[in-house]
Protein backbone atom coordinates (compact mmCIF):
# COMPACT_ATOMS: atom_id res chain seq x y z
CA MET A 1 -14.43 -2.63 21.68
CA ARG A 2 -14.66 -6.19 23.27
CA VAL A 3 -14.49 -8.30 19.65
CA LEU A 4 -12.02 -10.56 19.14
CA PRO A 5 -12.26 -12.59 22.24
CA LEU A 6 -15.46 -13.68 21.86
CA PHE A 7 -14.52 -15.45 18.02
CA LEU A 8 -11.21 -16.80 19.55
CA SER A 9 -12.50 -18.58 22.95
CA SER A 10 -14.35 -21.52 20.18
CA LEU A 11 -10.99 -21.26 18.05
CA ALA A 12 -7.84 -21.68 19.41
CA PHE A 13 -5.95 -24.82 18.58
CA ALA A 14 -4.98 -26.56 21.75
CA GLY A 15 -1.28 -25.98 21.92
CA ASN A 16 -1.04 -22.99 20.47
CA VAL A 17 0.11 -21.27 22.87
CA LEU A 18 2.51 -18.05 22.27
CA ALA A 19 6.17 -18.98 21.24
CA GLN A 20 8.96 -18.05 23.57
CA PRO A 21 11.47 -15.71 22.13
CA VAL A 22 15.39 -17.05 20.96
CA PHE A 23 16.53 -14.36 20.39
CA LYS A 24 14.86 -10.62 21.38
CA ALA A 25 16.39 -6.97 21.41
CA ASP A 26 14.92 -4.05 22.84
CA PHE A 27 17.66 -1.88 22.78
CA GLU A 28 17.63 -0.95 26.89
CA GLY A 29 21.10 -0.61 28.09
CA SER A 30 22.76 -2.45 25.40
CA SER A 31 21.87 -3.11 21.54
CA SER A 32 22.31 -6.61 21.98
CA TRP A 33 23.89 -6.47 18.31
CA ASN A 34 26.91 -6.25 16.94
CA ILE A 35 25.99 -2.60 15.39
CA LEU A 36 28.62 -2.98 12.18
CA SER A 37 27.60 0.42 10.67
CA GLY A 38 25.30 3.07 10.32
CA CYS A 39 23.38 2.97 13.05
CA GLN A 40 23.10 4.30 17.13
CA LEU A 41 20.98 3.89 19.88
CA GLN A 42 18.51 6.75 20.23
CA HIS A 43 15.95 7.95 22.96
CA GLU A 44 13.48 10.07 21.15
CA LEU A 45 12.69 7.31 18.72
CA ALA A 46 11.75 4.29 20.94
CA ARG A 47 8.80 2.40 20.57
CA SER A 48 8.31 0.87 24.43
CA GLY A 49 11.42 1.38 26.37
CA GLN A 50 13.65 4.20 26.26
CA GLN A 51 15.65 3.56 23.09
CA ALA A 52 15.93 2.54 19.84
CA LEU A 53 18.33 1.72 16.74
CA PHE A 54 18.40 4.84 14.62
CA CYS A 55 20.15 3.92 11.37
CA SER A 56 20.71 7.09 9.58
CA ARG A 57 20.57 6.76 5.68
CA GLY A 58 22.44 4.87 2.81
CA PRO A 59 24.18 1.37 4.28
CA ALA A 60 24.06 0.42 7.78
CA SER A 61 24.53 -3.41 9.06
CA LEU A 62 24.01 -5.68 12.39
CA VAL A 63 24.41 -8.84 13.39
CA THR A 64 23.48 -11.12 16.43
CA PRO A 65 26.22 -11.31 18.66
CA ALA A 66 26.16 -15.14 18.80
CA LEU A 67 25.00 -18.09 17.02
CA VAL A 68 20.58 -18.33 16.87
CA THR A 69 19.31 -21.58 17.79
CA GLU A 70 16.95 -23.02 15.34
CA PRO A 71 15.80 -19.39 14.03
CA GLY A 72 11.39 -19.11 12.85
CA MET A 73 10.04 -16.24 12.92
CA LEU A 74 11.77 -12.84 12.67
CA GLU A 75 9.28 -9.96 13.94
CA PHE A 76 10.62 -6.40 14.28
CA TRP A 77 9.32 -2.68 14.38
CA VAL A 78 10.43 -0.03 12.05
CA LYS A 79 9.90 3.91 12.23
CA PRO A 80 10.78 6.10 8.98
CA GLU A 81 12.03 8.96 9.31
CA ASN A 82 9.58 10.72 7.94
CA ALA A 83 6.19 9.87 5.54
CA TYR A 84 8.85 10.34 2.22
CA THR A 85 11.46 7.71 3.64
CA SER A 86 11.27 4.22 1.88
CA TYR A 87 13.92 1.64 3.04
CA ARG A 88 14.90 -1.86 2.21
CA ILE A 89 16.19 -4.37 4.90
CA ASN A 90 17.97 -7.43 3.46
CA ILE A 91 17.88 -10.56 5.98
CA LEU A 92 20.78 -13.07 6.01
CA SER A 93 22.21 -15.89 7.94
CA SER A 94 25.68 -17.48 8.25
CA ALA A 95 27.37 -20.18 10.59
CA SER A 96 30.17 -18.12 10.67
CA LEU A 97 31.44 -14.78 11.15
CA LYS A 98 34.67 -15.22 9.68
CA ALA A 99 35.72 -12.74 6.64
CA ASP A 100 35.43 -15.75 3.98
CA ALA A 101 31.97 -16.93 5.53
CA PRO A 102 28.94 -17.18 2.56
CA TRP A 103 25.84 -15.40 4.57
CA GLN A 104 22.76 -16.85 2.64
CA GLN A 105 19.46 -14.58 1.76
CA ILE A 106 16.73 -15.83 3.78
CA GLY A 107 14.58 -13.05 3.86
CA LEU A 108 13.88 -9.37 2.17
CA ILE A 109 11.45 -6.45 2.90
CA GLU A 110 11.01 -3.36 1.12
CA MET A 111 8.36 -0.70 1.93
CA SER A 112 7.65 2.09 -0.11
CA ALA A 113 7.11 6.16 1.41
CA SER A 114 4.02 6.48 3.34
CA SER A 115 3.72 7.06 6.86
CA ALA A 116 6.14 7.75 9.30
CA ASP A 117 4.61 5.33 12.23
CA TYR A 118 6.15 2.09 13.75
CA LEU A 119 4.95 -0.65 11.17
CA ALA A 120 5.26 -4.13 12.04
CA HIS A 121 7.04 -6.59 10.29
CA ARG A 122 6.80 -10.90 10.72
CA ILE A 123 9.34 -12.87 8.24
CA SER A 124 10.23 -16.51 8.55
CA ILE A 125 13.53 -17.86 8.47
CA ASP A 126 12.72 -20.86 9.44
CA ASP A 127 16.33 -22.70 9.67
CA PRO A 128 17.34 -26.07 12.06
CA GLY A 129 20.37 -25.12 12.89
CA ARG A 130 22.64 -22.84 14.54
CA LYS A 131 23.10 -19.42 12.23
CA PHE A 132 23.73 -15.59 12.89
CA ILE A 133 21.64 -13.17 11.73
CA ARG A 134 22.27 -10.38 10.19
CA LEU A 135 20.30 -7.33 8.85
CA ASP A 136 21.89 -4.98 6.29
CA ILE A 137 19.82 -1.92 5.95
CA GLU A 138 19.00 0.72 3.39
CA SER A 139 16.81 3.99 3.15
CA SER A 140 15.87 6.91 1.65
CA ASN A 141 14.86 10.36 1.80
CA GLY A 142 15.77 9.72 6.01
CA GLY A 143 16.68 6.78 8.16
CA ILE A 144 14.47 4.24 10.05
CA ALA A 145 14.79 3.17 13.59
CA LEU A 146 13.94 0.14 14.90
CA ASP A 147 13.01 -1.75 17.53
CA ASP A 148 11.12 -4.98 19.77
CA VAL A 149 13.30 -7.40 17.61
CA SER A 150 12.76 -10.94 18.51
CA ILE A 151 13.43 -14.39 16.76
CA GLU A 152 11.73 -17.54 17.73
CA ARG A 153 12.15 -21.49 18.03
CA ILE A 154 11.44 -23.04 14.22
CA GLY A 155 7.84 -24.30 13.88
CA LEU A 156 6.91 -28.03 14.22
CA ASP A 157 4.96 -27.43 10.22
CA VAL A 158 8.47 -26.25 8.69
CA ALA A 159 10.08 -28.88 10.33
CA LEU A 160 7.39 -31.25 8.46
CA GLN A 161 8.06 -29.64 5.28
CA LYS A 162 11.97 -29.20 5.97
CA ASN A 163 11.63 -32.92 6.21
CA GLU A 164 9.31 -33.18 2.98
CA GLN A 165 12.23 -31.58 0.85
CA ARG A 166 15.72 -34.08 1.89
CA ILE A 167 12.52 -36.89 1.37
CA VAL A 168 12.05 -36.00 -2.10
CA SER A 169 15.43 -35.23 -2.66
CA GLY A 170 16.27 -38.66 -1.23
CA ILE A 171 13.83 -40.38 -3.73
CA LEU A 172 14.84 -38.61 -6.76
CA ASP A 173 18.34 -39.82 -5.87
CA ARG A 174 17.85 -43.61 -5.21
CA LEU A 175 15.51 -43.07 -8.64
CA LYS A 176 18.61 -42.59 -10.13
CA GLN A 177 20.37 -44.73 -8.80
CA ASN A 178 17.54 -48.07 -8.39
CA LYS A 179 18.12 -49.44 -5.38
CA ASN A 180 16.61 -50.19 -2.17
CA PRO A 181 13.18 -50.47 -3.25
CA GLU A 182 12.12 -50.91 0.41
CA LEU A 183 13.36 -47.99 1.40
CA GLN A 184 12.09 -45.69 -1.65
CA ALA A 185 8.53 -46.79 -0.56
CA GLU A 186 8.42 -46.81 3.22
CA GLN A 187 9.63 -42.88 1.60
CA PHE A 188 6.65 -42.88 -0.28
CA LYS A 189 4.87 -43.30 2.46
CA SER A 190 6.52 -40.41 4.45
CA LEU A 191 5.59 -38.17 1.35
CA GLY A 192 2.03 -38.68 1.51
CA GLN A 193 2.50 -38.01 5.48
CA ASN A 194 3.78 -34.70 5.10
CA TYR A 195 1.28 -34.06 2.35
CA ALA A 196 -1.35 -34.65 4.58
CA ALA A 197 0.38 -32.51 7.61
CA GLN A 198 0.38 -29.61 5.62
CA LEU A 199 -2.90 -29.95 4.70
CA GLU A 200 -3.99 -29.36 8.55
CA THR A 201 -1.46 -26.07 8.80
CA GLN A 202 -3.77 -24.58 5.69
CA ARG A 203 -6.74 -25.58 7.05
CA GLN A 204 -5.60 -23.62 10.39
CA TYR A 205 -4.28 -20.92 8.17
CA LEU A 206 -7.71 -20.67 6.37
CA GLU A 207 -9.63 -20.82 9.93
CA TYR A 208 -7.45 -17.91 11.14
CA ALA A 209 -7.88 -16.27 8.14
CA ASN A 210 -12.17 -16.25 8.35
CA ALA A 211 -12.35 -15.26 11.91
CA ILE A 212 -9.95 -12.14 11.85
CA TYR A 213 -11.62 -11.02 8.88
CA ALA A 214 -15.13 -11.94 10.67
CA SER A 215 -13.75 -9.84 13.92
CA ILE A 216 -11.88 -6.93 12.51
CA THR A 217 -14.71 -5.76 10.51
CA LEU A 218 -15.45 -5.10 13.99
CA VAL A 219 -13.02 -3.83 15.33
CA LEU A 220 -13.87 0.02 15.43
CA ALA A 221 -17.71 -0.65 15.04
CA SER A 222 -20.14 0.25 18.08
CA SER A 223 -16.72 1.33 19.89
CA GLU A 224 -15.78 3.57 22.68
CA ARG A 225 -13.76 5.28 19.70
CA ASN A 226 -16.84 6.14 17.64
CA LYS A 227 -17.68 8.36 20.63
CA MET A 228 -14.90 9.83 20.84
CA SER A 229 -14.87 10.97 17.50
CA ASN A 230 -18.21 11.93 17.85
CA PRO A 231 -19.10 16.09 18.42
CA MET A 232 -22.62 14.95 20.32
CA ALA A 233 -19.78 13.41 23.15
CA TYR A 234 -19.15 16.78 24.04
CA ALA A 235 -20.59 19.72 26.72
CA SER A 236 -19.05 22.25 24.24
CA PHE A 237 -20.74 21.12 21.35
CA ARG A 238 -23.89 20.72 22.47
CA SER A 239 -23.88 24.30 25.10
CA ILE A 240 -23.18 25.76 21.37
CA ILE A 241 -26.57 23.88 19.80
CA SER A 242 -28.17 25.00 22.38
CA ASP A 243 -27.32 28.11 22.84
CA THR A 244 -27.69 28.45 18.93
CA LYS A 245 -31.26 27.40 19.17
CA ARG A 246 -32.24 29.81 22.09
CA VAL A 247 -31.85 32.48 19.68
CA SER A 248 -33.14 31.15 16.25
CA SER A 249 -36.09 31.00 14.63
CA PRO A 250 -38.33 28.17 14.39
CA LEU A 251 -37.22 27.86 11.07
CA GLN A 252 -33.47 28.15 11.66
CA GLN A 253 -34.56 25.95 14.39
CA ALA A 254 -35.27 23.57 12.03
CA ARG A 255 -32.56 24.13 10.19
CA LEU A 256 -30.06 23.07 12.82
CA THR A 257 -31.95 20.42 13.86
CA SER A 258 -31.45 19.01 10.57
CA MET A 259 -27.52 19.60 10.47
CA VAL A 260 -26.92 17.58 13.48
CA LYS A 261 -29.36 14.60 12.74
CA PRO A 262 -26.48 12.69 11.12
CA PHE A 263 -23.93 13.05 13.95
CA GLY A 264 -27.24 10.94 15.87
CA ASP A 265 -26.87 9.92 19.42
CA LEU A 266 -23.77 8.01 21.17
CA ALA A 267 -25.67 4.81 20.83
CA THR A 268 -26.40 5.21 17.22
CA ALA A 269 -23.57 7.29 15.42
CA THR A 270 -21.10 5.07 13.62
CA LEU A 271 -17.57 6.01 12.89
CA ASN A 272 -18.36 6.05 8.73
CA VAL A 273 -21.29 8.39 9.72
CA VAL A 274 -18.99 11.15 11.28
CA SER A 275 -15.74 10.33 9.12
CA GLY A 276 -17.33 9.19 5.83
CA GLY A 277 -17.81 12.91 4.88
CA THR A 278 -20.47 14.02 6.88
CA TYR A 279 -18.35 16.43 9.08
CA SER A 280 -16.40 17.90 6.39
CA ALA A 281 -19.51 18.98 4.80
CA PHE A 282 -20.82 20.08 8.18
CA ALA A 283 -18.08 22.04 9.75
CA GLU A 284 -18.02 25.14 7.34
CA PRO A 285 -21.73 25.45 6.87
CA PHE A 286 -22.44 25.42 10.52
CA LYS A 287 -19.98 28.08 11.53
CA SER A 288 -21.63 30.51 8.72
CA PHE A 289 -25.23 29.36 10.02
CA LEU A 290 -23.49 30.21 13.53
CA ALA A 291 -22.39 33.63 12.07
CA ALA A 292 -25.92 34.67 10.61
CA THR A 293 -27.71 33.36 13.55
CA PHE A 294 -25.92 35.66 16.30
CA ASP A 295 -25.36 38.91 13.46
CA LYS A 296 -27.33 41.66 14.72
CA SER A 297 -29.63 42.28 12.14
CA ASN A 298 -30.77 38.52 12.72
CA TYR A 299 -31.49 38.60 16.24
CA GLU A 300 -32.68 42.08 16.22
CA ASN A 301 -35.68 41.15 13.63
CA ALA A 302 -36.51 37.62 15.66
CA ASP A 303 -38.94 37.16 17.35
CA LEU A 304 -37.44 36.84 20.56
CA ASN A 305 -38.17 38.29 24.35
CA ARG A 306 -35.65 41.10 25.60
CA LYS A 307 -33.23 38.44 27.51
CA ASP A 308 -33.00 36.62 24.88
CA ARG A 309 -31.87 39.42 22.53
CA LYS A 310 -29.49 40.22 25.16
CA PHE A 311 -27.76 36.94 25.58
CA ALA A 312 -27.17 37.04 21.51
CA GLU A 313 -25.71 39.94 21.83
CA GLN A 314 -23.43 39.51 24.94
CA ASN A 315 -22.48 36.15 23.82
CA GLY A 316 -22.65 35.82 19.73
CA LEU A 317 -18.88 36.62 19.81
CA LYS A 318 -18.19 34.13 22.15
CA ILE A 319 -20.43 31.18 21.41
CA TYR A 320 -18.71 31.67 17.63
CA GLU A 321 -15.56 31.20 19.10
CA ASN A 322 -15.22 28.85 21.39
CA ALA A 323 -17.53 26.76 18.44
CA GLU A 324 -14.47 27.29 16.12
CA ARG A 325 -12.28 26.02 18.89
CA PHE A 326 -14.19 23.05 19.15
CA LEU A 327 -14.54 22.09 15.59
CA ASN A 328 -10.61 22.55 15.10
CA GLU A 329 -9.86 20.79 17.92
CA LEU A 330 -12.28 18.16 16.98
CA GLU A 331 -10.90 18.41 13.51
CA LYS A 332 -7.61 16.73 15.13
CA GLU A 333 -8.94 13.72 16.58
CA LEU A 334 -10.85 12.98 13.01
CA GLN A 335 -7.45 13.00 11.27
CA GLN A 336 -6.51 10.09 13.61
CA VAL A 337 -9.78 8.28 13.56
CA ASN A 338 -9.59 8.70 9.50
CA ALA A 339 -6.48 7.29 9.36
CA LEU A 340 -7.59 4.06 11.12
CA ASP A 341 -10.33 3.61 9.40
CA ASN A 342 -8.41 3.77 6.17
CA GLU A 343 -6.02 1.33 7.70
CA LEU A 344 -8.75 -0.84 8.65
CA GLY A 345 -10.01 -0.95 5.14
CA ASN A 346 -6.25 -1.87 3.65
CA MET A 347 -6.56 -4.72 6.23
CA GLN A 348 -9.78 -6.31 5.34
CA LYS A 349 -8.79 -5.86 1.80
CA LEU A 350 -5.51 -8.31 2.25
CA VAL A 351 -7.31 -10.28 4.24
CA GLU A 352 -10.04 -10.97 2.12
CA SER A 353 -7.73 -11.74 -0.49
CA TYR A 354 -5.56 -14.03 1.39
CA ARG A 355 -8.87 -16.01 2.46
CA LYS A 356 -10.13 -16.13 -1.17
CA ASP A 357 -6.60 -17.28 -2.45
CA LEU A 358 -6.01 -19.95 0.55
CA ASP A 359 -9.40 -21.55 -0.23
CA LYS A 360 -8.45 -22.01 -3.92
CA GLN A 361 -4.68 -23.14 -3.15
CA LEU A 362 -6.31 -25.95 -1.01
CA ARG A 363 -8.96 -26.80 -3.02
CA SER A 364 -6.32 -27.59 -6.07
CA TYR A 365 -3.95 -29.39 -2.83
CA ILE A 366 -6.57 -32.09 -2.57
CA GLN A 367 -7.62 -31.84 -6.22
CA HIS A 368 -3.71 -33.32 -6.59
CA ALA A 369 -4.03 -35.97 -3.91
CA GLY A 370 -6.73 -37.43 -5.90
CA LEU A 371 -9.92 -36.27 -4.39
CA ALA A 372 -12.40 -34.25 -6.48
CA ARG A 373 -12.81 -30.12 -5.69
CA THR A 374 -16.48 -30.73 -4.49
CA GLN A 375 -17.85 -28.84 -1.74
CA GLU A 376 -18.39 -32.56 -0.08
CA ASN A 377 -14.58 -33.26 0.32
CA PHE A 378 -13.72 -29.87 1.34
CA GLY A 379 -16.18 -28.93 4.30
CA ARG A 380 -14.01 -33.13 5.62
CA VAL A 381 -10.94 -30.71 5.24
CA MET A 382 -12.43 -27.70 6.49
CA SER A 383 -14.76 -30.23 9.47
CA LYS A 384 -14.75 -28.93 13.48
CA GLU A 385 -14.72 -32.96 13.94
CA GLU A 386 -11.26 -34.10 14.51
CA SER A 387 -12.41 -38.06 13.22
CA ILE A 388 -13.68 -36.37 10.32
CA ARG A 389 -10.78 -34.26 9.43
CA GLY A 390 -8.34 -37.22 10.25
CA SER A 391 -10.10 -39.66 8.16
CA ILE A 392 -9.96 -37.52 4.89
CA SER A 393 -6.28 -36.94 5.93
CA SER A 394 -5.50 -40.30 6.04
CA GLU A 395 -7.16 -40.88 2.54
CA ILE A 396 -4.85 -38.02 1.53
CA ALA A 397 -1.65 -39.40 2.88
CA GLY A 398 -2.67 -43.07 1.47
CA ASN A 399 -3.56 -41.23 -2.55
CA ILE A 400 -0.22 -39.46 -2.71
CA GLY A 401 2.04 -42.77 -1.63
CA ASN A 402 0.29 -45.34 -3.46
CA HIS A 403 0.29 -43.13 -6.76
CA ALA A 404 3.97 -42.62 -6.31
CA GLN A 405 4.58 -46.80 -5.64
CA GLN A 406 2.32 -47.27 -8.55
CA LEU A 407 4.12 -45.36 -11.05
CA HIS A 408 7.58 -46.41 -9.61
CA ASP A 409 6.16 -49.80 -9.94
CA ARG A 410 5.18 -50.10 -13.45
CA GLU A 411 8.70 -48.43 -14.26
CA GLN A 412 6.96 -44.87 -15.43
CA ASN A 413 9.73 -43.07 -13.62
CA THR A 414 9.25 -39.77 -16.11
CA GLU A 415 5.69 -39.97 -15.07
CA LEU A 416 6.97 -40.09 -11.62
CA VAL A 417 9.70 -37.60 -11.38
CA GLN A 418 6.75 -35.03 -12.92
CA TYR A 419 4.38 -36.50 -9.80
CA LEU A 420 7.38 -35.69 -7.25
CA LEU A 421 8.14 -32.47 -8.61
CA LYS A 422 4.19 -31.22 -8.61
CA THR A 423 3.83 -33.32 -4.91
CA SER A 424 6.75 -31.14 -3.34
CA GLU A 425 5.68 -27.40 -5.70
CA GLN A 426 2.11 -27.84 -4.03
CA LEU A 427 3.59 -28.51 -0.58
CA GLU A 428 6.08 -25.38 -1.25
CA SER A 429 3.12 -23.25 -1.72
CA VAL A 430 2.16 -23.49 1.79
CA GLN A 431 5.17 -21.78 2.16
CA GLU A 432 3.96 -18.87 0.16
CA TYR A 433 0.51 -18.58 2.26
CA LYS A 434 2.45 -18.97 5.49
CA GLU A 435 4.71 -15.88 4.57
CA ARG A 436 1.43 -13.86 3.40
CA PHE A 437 -0.11 -14.82 6.84
CA ASN A 438 2.98 -13.24 8.04
CA GLN A 439 2.04 -10.03 6.36
CA VAL A 440 -1.94 -10.18 7.77
CA THR A 441 -0.21 -10.51 11.41
CA ALA A 442 2.02 -7.35 10.92
CA ALA A 443 -0.55 -5.55 9.20
CA ALA A 444 -2.81 -6.42 12.73
CA LEU A 445 0.10 -5.77 14.92
CA THR A 446 0.07 -2.93 13.15
CA PHE A 447 -2.80 -1.82 13.28
CA TYR A 448 -3.45 -2.33 17.13
CA ASP A 449 -0.21 -0.27 17.86
CA ARG A 450 -1.77 2.96 16.19
CA PHE A 451 -5.06 2.58 17.44
CA GLU A 452 -3.11 2.18 21.10
CA ARG A 453 -1.48 5.25 20.19
CA SER A 454 -4.22 7.34 19.13
CA ILE A 455 -5.74 7.00 22.39
CA ALA A 456 -2.64 7.48 24.67
CA PRO A 457 -3.60 10.72 27.15
CA GLU A 458 -1.05 13.12 25.34
CA GLN A 459 -3.76 12.60 22.34
CA ASN A 460 -6.31 14.70 24.03
CA PRO A 461 -7.13 17.27 21.45
CA PHE A 462 -9.30 19.37 23.92
CA THR A 463 -8.81 22.37 26.18
CA ASP A 464 -12.38 22.93 28.08
CA SER A 465 -11.56 20.64 31.45
CA ALA A 466 -15.15 19.41 30.39
CA ASP A 467 -14.20 18.11 26.92
CA LYS A 468 -11.01 16.52 28.18
CA THR A 469 -12.40 14.57 30.44
CA ALA A 470 -15.46 13.18 28.40
CA TRP A 471 -12.47 12.45 26.14
CA GLU A 472 -10.25 10.59 28.85
CA ASN A 473 -13.41 8.38 29.95
CA HIS A 474 -14.11 7.00 26.85
CA ALA A 475 -10.72 6.33 25.77
CA LYS A 476 -9.66 4.64 29.65
CA LYS A 477 -12.81 2.03 28.02
CA ALA A 478 -11.38 1.99 24.55
CA ARG A 479 -8.00 1.59 26.02
CA ALA A 480 -9.22 -1.61 28.22
CA TYR A 481 -11.08 -3.33 25.50
CA ILE A 482 -8.00 -2.85 23.02
CA LYS A 483 -5.46 -4.09 25.23
CA GLU A 484 -7.83 -7.28 25.71
CA SER A 485 -8.49 -7.84 22.48
CA LYS A 486 -4.61 -7.29 21.12
CA GLU A 487 -3.95 -10.35 23.88
CA ALA A 488 -6.37 -12.55 22.51
CA PHE A 489 -5.27 -11.93 19.19
CA SER A 490 -1.72 -12.78 20.31
CA LYS A 491 -2.37 -15.92 22.03
CA ALA A 492 -4.26 -17.23 19.31
CA TYR A 493 -2.48 -16.02 16.00
CA LEU A 494 0.93 -15.63 17.10
């Protein structure tokens, strides 16, 4: 499954490296949190390492033991107690732990019941100050486990956005007081520059989303994972087919060939062929076919030599039992693959929706800056040439600043305020897409995690030694590919 690295080599942006966390808690040893209520360390639920924090149903709360410097991206993993557990996590911040200190809500995660597997969450805190971070947790129909919590430093693009908010506020204040036109003019210019900077942020997010969409459509296709879910990969199944053909009539052999044909061979079979309904429509009829083929009335009346008739009599029941065992084991494997396939499909829909919406938003962003929503202007924004992007960025920065200055000079204060508010609205919309991108990356991280768990050695469903070895050989390759792909994804997108 060597997929993502092929896309990332030409996509990664200069200086885009893994962020260093300013706070990290994996709950090994001490919890790295002050547990206020409702949670305790447990060994059985760890996602990594030896321990996780389990918060029982009902209210639970924990807070960082010290001030977090410039909290930016918060990432953590949650495992519901069962598939019926839903939860709500309220994220708050405060500059003090005093009893009367105010706490500000900075994020909220609500998840309905769906799965009992670990799920990644990523949310932007984006506070340039030093703050305590508190998590208030409520769950129903079971508790939740929490593991691998980290907070990264606030990003440069966020700092620019915070600066934009101060600029707009300052402009409006001076507008009311009608003073210091030189400073006002400088702030109009800064507003344009910040607006143009957020243009680049949106361009990067759209390129990221396009690349993720292109890569995740191939994550499972033509991979070792397909082979692990294909019955033709296993000696037990091939032996059953061979033994059955030995005692079948030409017509029965033709029917058997037709039954297994959809599974193809390991080079051509795809995941969807195996998991898209073919297997479920195959298993029971195949067992019925075996039972009929090895029925005494069938092989005694068939045009078989004495040796083959004796083979059918002595081995028919055993072959049928082996087939039933193998098909039951393979079904466990297919349940894992089907779940991954469904999750991949949901992630594709999530990314496709994000791409379309951000494309539309970016065109609106350009239009607000006084440029037509033409494909030419959009192409300039998305150009691979830095000089072309720099040219339109300068044009947009100038348009925003100049238009605000012209409205100010003509004393069209009402229009100026409306224009500033609309500009601020456009800039705030960038934050919305940042949060949605967090959802995309969280979904991808969750998918990688579940894929890795599905190919762990303890997930091997087979009892026959040859089948176990075949599964493990494919799994080893899949582990190497998924590890490489996940690392490349993290370096490029996180």
